[in-house]
Each structure stands twice: as C-alpha cells, then as structure tokens.
C-alpha cells in the first residue's frame, strides 16, 4: 500500500520514537542528517530508496516493504526478482 508523504513520515517517526531514537541517534547509526530526517518525517520531502534501505535495519523493517510504502513499487519488484534469482541459481554439492 502506497502511503502519502505525510503518512509515510508519521509512520517512520512513530517507529523511530518507539525505538527510543532521537534524530541524532539515527544520524550516528546510518549517517542521515537530522534535518533531512525531519524533512521526510514531516512529509515535506520523499525519502530516497537509498535512505529507506539505510533506515530499514535500524528500524527492524524490511526495506522492500518501505519501498512499496514510499511508492517505489517497480524497484521493490525488481529487487524481489533479483533476490529470487540469486536463491534459485545456487548450486549445492552432494555426494553421489
């Protein structure tokens, strides 16, 4: 489900606050400036896919789900396909 910029910002802020992180904590953990974080938490700017991928592990979220919430549907689908291809192309050695 795609969220509006305001909904996405509130969602990310709620997660950050529920984890007890300040904007400065997030800055230390993944090098996103507090002012940039504030811009997308208030719905004034859409976070880039790169930023969402940085935030996901800190917020204990799947970055592909964040991509979809932010409207990066095609990118999420592409990365899911690539992940599936990597898994299906693995070879395993077994005794014969």
Protein backbone atom coordinates (compact mmCIF):
# COMPACT_ATOMS: atom_id res chain seq x y z
CA UNK A 1 0.00 0.00 0.00
CA UNK A 2 1.43 3.34 -1.04
CA UNK A 3 1.34 5.98 1.69
CA UNK A 4 1.15 9.72 1.24
CA UNK A 5 4.27 11.66 2.19
CA UNK A 6 2.66 12.73 5.46
CA UNK A 7 1.55 9.17 6.32
CA UNK A 8 4.98 7.77 5.50
CA UNK A 9 6.67 10.47 7.56
CA UNK A 10 4.43 9.83 10.57
CA UNK A 11 4.97 6.07 10.20
CA UNK A 12 8.76 6.47 10.19
CA UNK A 13 8.69 8.95 13.06
CA UNK A 14 6.49 6.64 15.16
CA UNK A 15 8.88 3.75 14.60
CA UNK A 16 11.92 5.88 15.43
CA UNK A 17 10.31 7.18 18.61
CA UNK A 18 9.04 3.73 19.66
CA UNK A 19 12.64 2.50 19.45
CA UNK A 20 13.72 5.43 21.62
CA UNK A 21 15.92 7.01 18.94
CA UNK A 22 16.38 10.73 18.53
CA UNK A 23 17.13 12.17 15.10
CA UNK A 24 20.73 12.48 16.30
CA UNK A 25 20.83 8.77 17.19
CA UNK A 26 19.69 7.92 13.67
CA UNK A 27 22.38 10.24 12.31
CA UNK A 28 25.04 8.34 14.27
CA UNK A 29 23.68 4.93 13.22
CA UNK A 30 23.30 5.48 9.49
CA UNK A 31 24.63 8.93 8.62
CA UNK A 32 21.33 10.59 7.73
CA UNK A 33 21.32 14.22 8.80
CA UNK A 34 18.75 15.18 11.45
CA UNK A 35 17.47 17.99 9.22
CA UNK A 36 16.90 15.62 6.26
CA UNK A 37 15.22 13.11 8.57
CA UNK A 38 12.96 15.89 9.81
CA UNK A 39 12.02 16.87 6.24
CA UNK A 40 10.63 13.47 5.38
CA UNK A 41 9.16 12.80 8.83
CA UNK A 42 7.05 15.95 8.39
CA UNK A 43 6.04 14.97 4.85
CA UNK A 44 7.93 17.82 3.19
CA UNK A 45 10.22 15.53 1.22
CA UNK A 46 10.08 11.97 -0.08
CA UNK A 47 12.92 9.81 1.25
CA UNK A 48 15.04 8.25 -1.45
CA UNK A 49 15.24 4.48 -1.85
CA UNK A 50 18.85 4.64 -0.59
CA UNK A 51 17.73 6.35 2.62
CA UNK A 52 14.94 3.81 3.15
CA UNK A 53 17.42 0.97 2.70
CA UNK A 54 19.69 2.56 5.33
CA UNK A 55 16.81 3.02 7.79
CA UNK A 56 15.28 -0.45 7.42
CA UNK A 57 17.77 -2.46 9.51
CA UNK A 58 17.90 0.22 12.21
CA UNK A 59 14.10 0.30 12.42
CA UNK A 60 13.85 -3.52 12.16
CA UNK A 61 11.89 -3.28 8.91
CA UNK A 62 12.10 -4.93 5.50
CA UNK A 63 13.44 -2.35 3.08
CA UNK A 64 11.30 -3.74 0.25
CA UNK A 65 8.17 -3.05 2.31
CA UNK A 66 9.40 0.51 2.85
CA UNK A 67 9.99 0.88 -0.89
CA UNK A 68 6.37 -0.08 -1.52
CA UNK A 69 5.02 2.27 1.15
CA UNK A 70 7.01 5.12 -0.42
CA UNK A 71 5.80 4.29 -3.93
CA UNK A 72 8.94 2.62 -5.27
CA UNK A 73 6.85 -0.34 -6.46
CA UNK A 74 8.87 -1.17 -9.58
CA UNK A 75 12.14 -1.05 -7.66
CA UNK A 76 10.74 -3.34 -4.96
CA UNK A 77 9.52 -5.82 -7.59
CA UNK A 78 12.87 -5.73 -9.42
CA UNK A 79 14.84 -6.38 -6.24
CA UNK A 80 12.49 -9.21 -5.20
CA UNK A 81 13.03 -10.87 -8.58
CA UNK A 82 16.80 -10.46 -8.26
CA UNK A 83 16.72 -11.99 -4.77
CA UNK A 84 14.67 -14.93 -6.06
CA UNK A 85 17.08 -15.47 -8.95
CA UNK A 86 20.06 -15.49 -6.61
CA UNK A 87 18.37 -18.11 -4.44
CA UNK A 88 17.31 -20.27 -7.39
CA UNK A 89 20.76 -20.11 -9.04
CA UNK A 90 22.68 -21.52 -6.08
CA UNK A 91 24.28 -24.90 -6.56
CA UNK A 92 24.83 -27.39 -3.78
CA UNK A 93 27.36 -30.20 -3.75
CA UNK A 94 26.02 -33.57 -2.70
CA UNK A 95 27.68 -36.96 -2.61
CA UNK A 96 26.73 -39.23 -5.49
